[in-house]
N, C-alpha and C. Protein backbone atom coordinates (compact mmCIF):
# COMPACT_ATOMS: atom_id res chain seq x y z
N UNK A 1 18.41 -2.83 4.69
CA UNK A 1 17.38 -3.85 4.13
C UNK A 1 16.48 -2.96 3.22
N UNK A 2 16.42 -1.70 2.85
CA UNK A 2 15.68 -1.07 2.26
C UNK A 2 16.25 -1.06 0.87
N UNK A 3 17.45 -1.03 0.77
CA UNK A 3 18.03 -0.96 -0.60
C UNK A 3 18.01 -2.23 -1.37
N UNK A 4 17.61 -3.30 -0.75
CA UNK A 4 17.14 -4.47 -1.56
C UNK A 4 15.80 -4.30 -1.83
N UNK A 5 14.81 -3.79 -1.25
CA UNK A 5 13.40 -3.67 -1.55
C UNK A 5 12.95 -2.63 -2.77
N UNK A 6 14.02 -1.96 -3.30
CA UNK A 6 13.50 -0.94 -4.04
C UNK A 6 12.94 -1.42 -5.24
N UNK A 7 11.77 -0.63 -5.58
CA UNK A 7 11.08 -0.97 -6.99
C UNK A 7 10.65 -2.47 -7.09
N UNK A 8 10.50 -3.04 -5.99
CA UNK A 8 9.89 -4.53 -6.00
C UNK A 8 8.41 -4.90 -5.77
N UNK A 9 7.82 -5.80 -6.51
CA UNK A 9 6.56 -5.80 -6.32
C UNK A 9 6.29 -7.40 -6.27
N UNK A 10 5.55 -7.70 -5.47
CA UNK A 10 4.92 -9.14 -5.58
C UNK A 10 3.53 -9.53 -4.97
N UNK A 11 2.87 -10.53 -5.13
CA UNK A 11 1.87 -10.69 -4.47
C UNK A 11 2.01 -11.83 -3.25
N UNK A 12 1.16 -11.76 -2.32
CA UNK A 12 1.09 -12.72 -1.38
C UNK A 12 0.63 -13.95 -1.56
N UNK A 13 0.45 -15.09 -0.71
CA UNK A 13 -0.15 -16.40 -1.37
C UNK A 13 -1.90 -16.23 -1.01
N UNK A 14 -2.11 -14.92 -0.68
CA UNK A 14 -3.75 -14.74 -0.72
C UNK A 14 -4.35 -13.84 -1.53
N UNK A 15 -3.25 -13.58 -2.57
CA UNK A 15 -3.29 -12.53 -3.83
C UNK A 15 -3.09 -11.26 -3.48
N UNK A 16 -2.67 -10.76 -2.32
CA UNK A 16 -2.59 -9.18 -2.20
C UNK A 16 -1.40 -8.52 -2.74
N UNK A 17 -1.42 -7.59 -3.13
CA UNK A 17 -0.04 -6.77 -4.04
C UNK A 17 0.68 -6.19 -2.73
N UNK A 18 1.71 -6.38 -2.81
CA UNK A 18 2.72 -5.66 -2.22
C UNK A 18 3.94 -5.16 -2.90
N UNK A 19 4.26 -3.68 -2.94
CA UNK A 19 5.18 -3.02 -3.47
C UNK A 19 6.07 -2.14 -2.71
N UNK A 20 7.12 -1.89 -3.17
CA UNK A 20 7.88 -0.64 -2.61
C UNK A 20 8.70 0.05 -3.48
N UNK A 21 8.67 1.13 -3.15
CA UNK A 21 8.95 2.63 -4.02
C UNK A 21 10.46 2.59 -4.43
N UNK A 22 10.83 3.29 -5.03
CA UNK A 22 12.52 3.76 -5.35
C UNK A 22 13.40 3.88 -3.96
N UNK A 23 12.90 4.28 -3.01
CA UNK A 23 13.56 4.64 -1.55
C UNK A 23 13.51 3.17 -0.75
N UNK A 24 12.81 1.97 -1.44
CA UNK A 24 12.75 0.72 -0.56
C UNK A 24 11.66 1.04 0.49
N UNK A 25 10.96 2.04 0.58
CA UNK A 25 9.56 2.02 1.51
C UNK A 25 8.46 1.39 0.49
N UNK A 26 7.51 0.69 1.85
CA UNK A 26 6.18 0.25 1.21
C UNK A 26 5.31 1.25 0.47
N UNK A 27 5.12 1.19 -0.37
CA UNK A 27 4.01 1.88 -0.99
C UNK A 27 2.43 1.56 -1.08
N UNK A 28 2.29 0.36 -0.50
CA UNK A 28 0.99 -0.39 -0.75
C UNK A 28 0.71 -0.59 0.94
N UNK A 29 -0.34 -0.45 1.33
CA UNK A 29 -0.57 -1.00 2.71
C UNK A 29 -1.20 -2.00 2.94
N UNK A 30 -1.47 -2.62 4.29
CA UNK A 30 -1.93 -3.90 4.37
C UNK A 30 -2.93 -3.96 5.70
N UNK A 31 -3.71 -4.83 5.77
CA UNK A 31 -4.88 -5.07 6.91
C UNK A 31 -4.12 -6.00 7.90
N UNK A 32 -4.39 -5.64 8.92
CA UNK A 32 -3.88 -6.86 10.21
C UNK A 32 -4.97 -7.59 10.49
N UNK A 33 -4.87 -8.67 10.36
CA UNK A 33 -6.02 -9.47 10.86
C UNK A 33 -5.71 -10.15 11.91
N UNK A 34 -6.77 -10.83 12.36
CA UNK A 34 -6.21 -11.69 13.90
C UNK A 34 -6.67 -13.31 13.34
N UNK A 35 -5.61 -14.16 13.23
CA UNK A 35 -5.95 -15.46 13.40
C UNK A 35 -5.29 -16.00 14.91
N UNK A 36 -6.52 -16.77 15.53
CA UNK A 36 -5.90 -17.21 17.01
C UNK A 36 -4.60 -18.03 17.08
N UNK A 37 -4.73 -18.60 16.14
CA UNK A 37 -3.52 -19.89 16.08
C UNK A 37 -2.59 -20.00 14.94
N UNK A 38 -1.50 -20.49 14.88
CA UNK A 38 -0.55 -20.45 13.80
C UNK A 38 -1.13 -21.46 12.53
N UNK A 39 -1.33 -22.47 13.12
CA UNK A 39 -2.07 -23.58 12.15
C UNK A 39 -3.58 -23.66 12.04
N UNK A 40 -4.14 -22.30 12.52
CA UNK A 40 -5.35 -22.09 12.31
C UNK A 40 -5.99 -21.19 11.02
N UNK A 41 -6.78 -21.41 10.23
CA UNK A 41 -7.01 -20.45 9.17
C UNK A 41 -8.27 -19.88 9.51
N UNK A 42 -8.61 -20.14 10.68
CA UNK A 42 -10.00 -19.10 11.14
C UNK A 42 -9.64 -17.93 11.35
N UNK A 43 -10.62 -17.12 10.28
CA UNK A 43 -10.28 -15.45 10.49
C UNK A 43 -11.48 -15.11 11.69
N UNK A 44 -10.77 -14.42 12.52
CA UNK A 44 -11.72 -13.97 13.78
C UNK A 44 -11.73 -12.28 13.58
N UNK A 45 -11.47 -11.50 12.82
CA UNK A 45 -11.38 -9.90 12.74
C UNK A 45 -10.46 -9.16 12.18
N UNK A 46 -10.51 -8.01 11.85
CA UNK A 46 -9.44 -7.21 11.66
C UNK A 46 -9.26 -6.31 12.51
N UNK A 47 -7.87 -6.19 12.97
CA UNK A 47 -7.51 -5.60 13.97
C UNK A 47 -6.67 -4.17 14.00
N UNK A 48 -6.67 -3.79 12.61
CA UNK A 48 -6.02 -2.66 12.04
C UNK A 48 -5.49 -2.65 10.58
N UNK A 49 -4.93 -1.31 10.10
CA UNK A 49 -4.41 -1.44 8.95
C UNK A 49 -3.17 -0.44 9.11
N UNK A 50 -2.41 -0.59 7.90
CA UNK A 50 -1.25 0.16 7.80
C UNK A 50 -1.13 0.96 6.63
N UNK A 51 -1.28 2.48 6.56
CA UNK A 51 -1.44 3.02 5.41
C UNK A 51 -0.31 3.92 5.05
N UNK A 52 1.05 3.44 3.90
CA UNK A 52 1.98 4.43 4.20
C UNK A 52 1.94 5.50 3.63
N UNK A 53 0.83 5.86 2.83
CA UNK A 53 0.79 6.97 2.18
C UNK A 53 -0.11 8.27 2.93
N UNK A 54 -0.47 7.83 4.22
CA UNK A 54 -1.31 8.68 4.96
C UNK A 54 -0.30 9.67 5.88
N UNK A 55 -0.83 10.73 6.33
CA UNK A 55 -0.40 11.40 7.29
C UNK A 55 0.33 10.54 8.39
N UNK A 56 1.45 11.11 8.84
CA UNK A 56 2.04 10.26 9.94
C UNK A 56 0.95 9.96 11.09
N UNK A 57 0.50 10.80 11.79
CA UNK A 57 -0.83 10.24 12.60
C UNK A 57 -1.68 9.36 12.34
N UNK A 58 -1.70 8.92 11.18
CA UNK A 58 -2.54 7.91 10.39
C UNK A 58 -2.37 7.11 9.76
N UNK A 59 -0.96 6.49 9.80
CA UNK A 59 -0.43 5.63 9.05
C UNK A 59 -0.59 4.32 9.69
N UNK A 60 -0.54 3.90 10.85
CA UNK A 60 -1.06 2.67 11.75
C UNK A 60 -2.62 3.08 12.30
N UNK A 61 -3.41 2.40 12.08
CA UNK A 61 -4.72 2.45 12.64
C UNK A 61 -4.85 0.92 13.50
N UNK A 62 -5.29 1.03 14.75
CA UNK A 62 -5.63 -0.14 15.73
C UNK A 62 -6.81 0.01 15.96
N UNK A 63 -7.64 -0.95 15.77
CA UNK A 63 -8.90 -1.13 16.32
C UNK A 63 -8.99 -1.78 17.50
N UNK A 64 -8.72 -0.97 18.89
CA UNK A 64 -8.65 -2.08 20.10
C UNK A 64 -9.89 -2.77 20.44
N UNK A 65 -10.96 -2.00 20.22
CA UNK A 65 -12.24 -3.15 20.63
C UNK A 65 -12.20 -4.21 20.05
N UNK A 66 -11.50 -4.50 18.92
CA UNK A 66 -11.35 -5.86 18.13
C UNK A 66 -10.31 -6.79 18.46
N UNK A 67 -9.19 -6.14 19.18
CA UNK A 67 -8.40 -7.20 20.03
C UNK A 67 -8.85 -7.89 21.11
N UNK A 68 -8.75 -9.62 21.02
CA UNK A 68 -9.21 -10.35 22.00
C UNK A 68 -8.36 -10.65 22.79
N UNK A 69 -8.19 -9.50 23.88
CA UNK A 69 -7.24 -9.42 24.90
C UNK A 69 -7.38 -10.86 25.97
N UNK A 70 -6.35 -11.37 26.55
CA UNK A 70 -6.46 -12.53 27.12
C UNK A 70 -6.81 -12.13 28.53
N UNK A 71 -7.90 -12.86 29.26
CA UNK A 71 -8.29 -12.51 30.53
C UNK A 71 -8.48 -13.91 31.10
N UNK A 72 -7.71 -14.00 32.29
CA UNK A 72 -8.10 -15.40 32.99
C UNK A 72 -7.47 -16.63 32.40
N UNK A 73 -6.57 -15.96 31.88
CA UNK A 73 -5.53 -17.27 30.83
C UNK A 73 -7.05 -17.76 29.71
N UNK A 74 -7.64 -17.30 29.25
CA UNK A 74 -8.76 -17.45 28.20
C UNK A 74 -8.81 -16.26 27.26
N UNK A 75 -9.09 -16.77 26.09
CA UNK A 75 -9.27 -15.37 25.08
C UNK A 75 -10.57 -15.21 24.76
């Protein structure tokens, strides 16, 4: 798959930039948002982010306190 992503750039439908380097690796990061339902545009928080240029221990950052864990079949 990476061979098809080399030096590709595009924008998401929300205007975010996404780009890949000459090896097909993502060189832009992204934020992980929480939207509770597929058809619901209600933004409920930022769960984390991916930072490709960060050292390996810091590439994926998750904020566990922001995750709405399901308890007793309720969120």
